[in-house]
C-alpha atoms as a PDB file:
ATOM      1  CA  MET A   1      53.015 -10.307  26.258  1.00  0.00           C
ATOM      2  CA  LEU A   2      50.842 -13.444  26.399  1.00  0.00           C
ATOM      3  CA  ASP A   3      51.947 -16.471  24.420  1.00  0.00           C
ATOM      4  CA  GLY A   4      50.602 -16.329  20.858  1.00  0.00           C
ATOM      5  CA  ILE A   5      49.408 -12.717  20.993  1.00  0.00           C
ATOM      6  CA  THR A   6      51.575 -10.843  18.573  1.00  0.00           C
ATOM      7  CA  ALA A   7      51.847  -7.169  17.755  1.00  0.00           C
ATOM      8  CA  SER A   8      50.229  -7.988  14.407  1.00  0.00           C
ATOM      9  CA  LEU A   9      47.189  -9.533  16.112  1.00  0.00           C
ATOM     10  CA  ILE A  10      46.840  -6.541  18.392  1.00  0.00           C
ATOM     11  CA  THR A  11      47.007  -4.216  15.366  1.00  0.00           C
ATOM     12  CA  ASN A  12      44.306  -6.273  13.614  1.00  0.00           C
ATOM     13  CA  TRP A  13      42.072  -6.189  16.707  1.00  0.00           C
ATOM     14  CA  ASN A  14      42.497  -2.444  17.076  1.00  0.00           C
ATOM     15  CA  GLU A  15      41.631  -1.911  13.420  1.00  0.00           C
ATOM     16  CA  ALA A  16      38.559  -4.136  13.700  1.00  0.00           C
ATOM     17  CA  TYR A  17      37.453  -2.229  16.816  1.00  0.00           C
ATOM     18  CA  THR A  18      37.849   1.111  15.030  1.00  0.00           C
ATOM     19  CA  LYS A  19      35.778  -0.088  12.050  1.00  0.00           C
ATOM     20  CA  ALA A  20      33.130  -1.821  14.148  1.00  0.00           C
ATOM     21  CA  HIS A  21      30.468   0.590  12.946  1.00  0.00           C
ATOM     22  CA  VAL A  22      31.349   1.479   9.354  1.00  0.00           C
ATOM     23  CA  HIS A  23      28.758   1.500   6.559  1.00  0.00           C
ATOM     24  CA  ALA A  24      29.357   0.934   2.872  1.00  0.00           C
ATOM     25  CA  ASN A  25      26.580   3.478   2.228  1.00  0.00           C
ATOM     26  CA  ALA A  26      27.926   6.103   4.654  1.00  0.00           C
ATOM     27  CA  THR A  27      27.594   8.877   2.048  1.00  0.00           C
ATOM     28  CA  THR A  28      23.897   8.111   1.607  1.00  0.00           C
ATOM     29  CA  LEU A  29      23.325   7.919   5.344  1.00  0.00           C
ATOM     30  CA  ASP A  30      25.213  11.174   5.885  1.00  0.00           C
ATOM     31  CA  GLY A  31      22.865  12.839   3.378  1.00  0.00           C
ATOM     32  CA  ILE A  32      19.787  12.144   5.505  1.00  0.00           C
ATOM     33  CA  THR A  33      18.859  15.394   7.179  1.00  0.00           C
ATOM     34  CA  ALA A  34      16.141  16.408   9.614  1.00  0.00           C
ATOM     35  CA  GLU A  35      14.490  18.305   6.749  1.00  0.00           C
ATOM     36  CA  LYS A  36      14.364  15.171   4.580  1.00  0.00           C
ATOM     37  CA  VAL A  37      12.936  13.094   7.410  1.00  0.00           C
ATOM     38  CA  ALA A  38      10.282  15.771   8.014  1.00  0.00           C
ATOM     39  CA  ALA A  39       9.423  15.767   4.295  1.00  0.00           C
ATOM     40  CA  TRP A  40       9.138  11.957   4.280  1.00  0.00           C
ATOM     41  CA  ASP A  41       6.932  12.053   7.375  1.00  0.00           C
ATOM     42  CA  SER A  42       4.745  14.722   5.771  1.00  0.00           C
ATOM     43  CA  ALA A  43       4.435  12.723   2.547  1.00  0.00           C
ATOM     44  CA  GLU A  44       3.463   9.624   4.516  1.00  0.00           C
ATOM     45  CA  ALA A  45       0.821  11.574   6.456  1.00  0.00           C
ATOM     46  CA  SER A  46      -0.541  13.053   3.217  1.00  0.00           C
ATOM     47  CA  ALA A  47      -0.686   9.623   1.592  1.00  0.00           C
ATOM     48  CA  LYS A  48      -2.516   8.207   4.617  1.00  0.00           C
ATOM     49  CA  ALA A  49      -5.015  11.080   4.641  1.00  0.00           C
ATOM     50  CA  TYR A  50      -5.609  10.595   0.909  1.00  0.00           C
ATOM     51  CA  ALA A  51      -6.110   6.836   1.295  1.00  0.00           C
ATOM     52  CA  ASP A  52      -8.396   7.337   4.289  1.00  0.00           C
ATOM     53  CA  GLY A  53     -10.448   9.768   2.222  1.00  0.00           C
ATOM     54  CA  LEU A  54     -10.777   7.234  -0.561  1.00  0.00           C
ATOM     55  CA  ALA A  55     -11.760   4.496   1.855  1.00  0.00           C
ATOM     56  CA  GLY A  56     -14.962   6.269   2.835  1.00  0.00           C
ATOM     57  CA  ASN A  57     -16.080   6.460  -0.805  1.00  0.00           C
ATOM     58  CA  TYR A  58     -14.952   3.075  -2.043  1.00  0.00           C
ATOM     59  CA  ALA A  59     -16.970  -0.070  -2.448  1.00  0.00           C
ATOM     60  CA  THR A  60     -15.956  -3.376  -3.908  1.00  0.00           C
ATOM     61  CA  ALA A  61     -17.978  -4.797  -6.778  1.00  0.00           C
ATOM     62  CA  ALA A  62     -19.407  -7.415  -4.408  1.00  0.00           C
ATOM     63  CA  GLN A  63     -20.717  -4.723  -2.042  1.00  0.00           C
ATOM     64  CA  GLY A  64     -22.212  -2.669  -4.835  1.00  0.00           C
ATOM     65  CA  THR A  65     -22.604   0.550  -2.813  1.00  0.00           C
ATOM     66  CA  LYS A  66     -20.331   3.040  -1.130  1.00  0.00           C
ATOM     67  CA  ALA A  67     -19.529   2.213   2.468  1.00  0.00           C
ATOM     68  CA  ASP A  68     -17.029   3.339   5.074  1.00  0.00           C
ATOM     69  CA  THR A  69     -15.899  -0.255   5.493  1.00  0.00           C
ATOM     70  CA  ALA A  70     -15.700  -1.014   1.775  1.00  0.00           C
ATOM     71  CA  LEU A  71     -11.929  -0.723   1.427  1.00  0.00           C
ATOM     72  CA  GLN A  72     -10.356  -4.096   2.025  1.00  0.00           C
ATOM     73  CA  PRO A  73      -6.661  -4.795   2.724  1.00  0.00           C
ATOM     74  CA  ALA A  74      -6.388  -6.593  -0.629  1.00  0.00           C
ATOM     75  CA  ASP A  75      -7.516  -3.386  -2.372  1.00  0.00           C
ATOM     76  CA  VAL A  76      -4.626  -1.302  -1.034  1.00  0.00           C
ATOM     77  CA  VAL A  77      -1.496  -0.934  -3.155  1.00  0.00           C
ATOM     78  CA  ALA A  78       1.883   0.537  -2.264  1.00  0.00           C
ATOM     79  CA  LEU A  79       3.100   3.821  -3.694  1.00  0.00           C
ATOM     80  CA  THR A  80       5.987   3.703  -6.129  1.00  0.00           C
ATOM     81  CA  SER A  81       9.239   5.542  -5.446  1.00  0.00           C
ATOM     82  CA  ALA A  82       8.289   8.083  -8.104  1.00  0.00           C
ATOM     83  CA  GLU A  83       4.935   8.743  -6.415  1.00  0.00           C
ATOM     84  CA  ILE A  84       6.638   9.193  -3.043  1.00  0.00           C
ATOM     85  CA  ASP A  85       9.233  11.537  -4.563  1.00  0.00           C
ATOM     86  CA  ALA A  86       6.421  13.572  -6.185  1.00  0.00           C
ATOM     87  CA  ALA A  87       4.536  13.796  -2.883  1.00  0.00           C
ATOM     88  CA  ILE A  88       7.676  15.007  -1.119  1.00  0.00           C
ATOM     89  CA  ALA A  89       8.366  17.553  -3.833  1.00  0.00           C
ATOM     90  CA  ASN A  90       4.818  18.894  -3.540  1.00  0.00           C
ATOM     91  CA  ALA A  91       4.674  18.870   0.279  1.00  0.00           C
END
């Protein structure tokens, strides 16, 4: 054995190596399935299609008329968790 390297240190290193990839939220991560990912992807695609549809019929007050380019980045808002959950449930 090398000077200063004790059995206790080796045990600690082995334990650290074993736990090198442990998550506090492992139960949540383990619950993510291919079906859930597919549902999330579908909800995102539906939300994008909906927003794209609105964009073609939306004009800002300054523009005054409908235009394909009327939707501005500042006009876009994020969906809430409840809205995402509802979209997934209805997908």
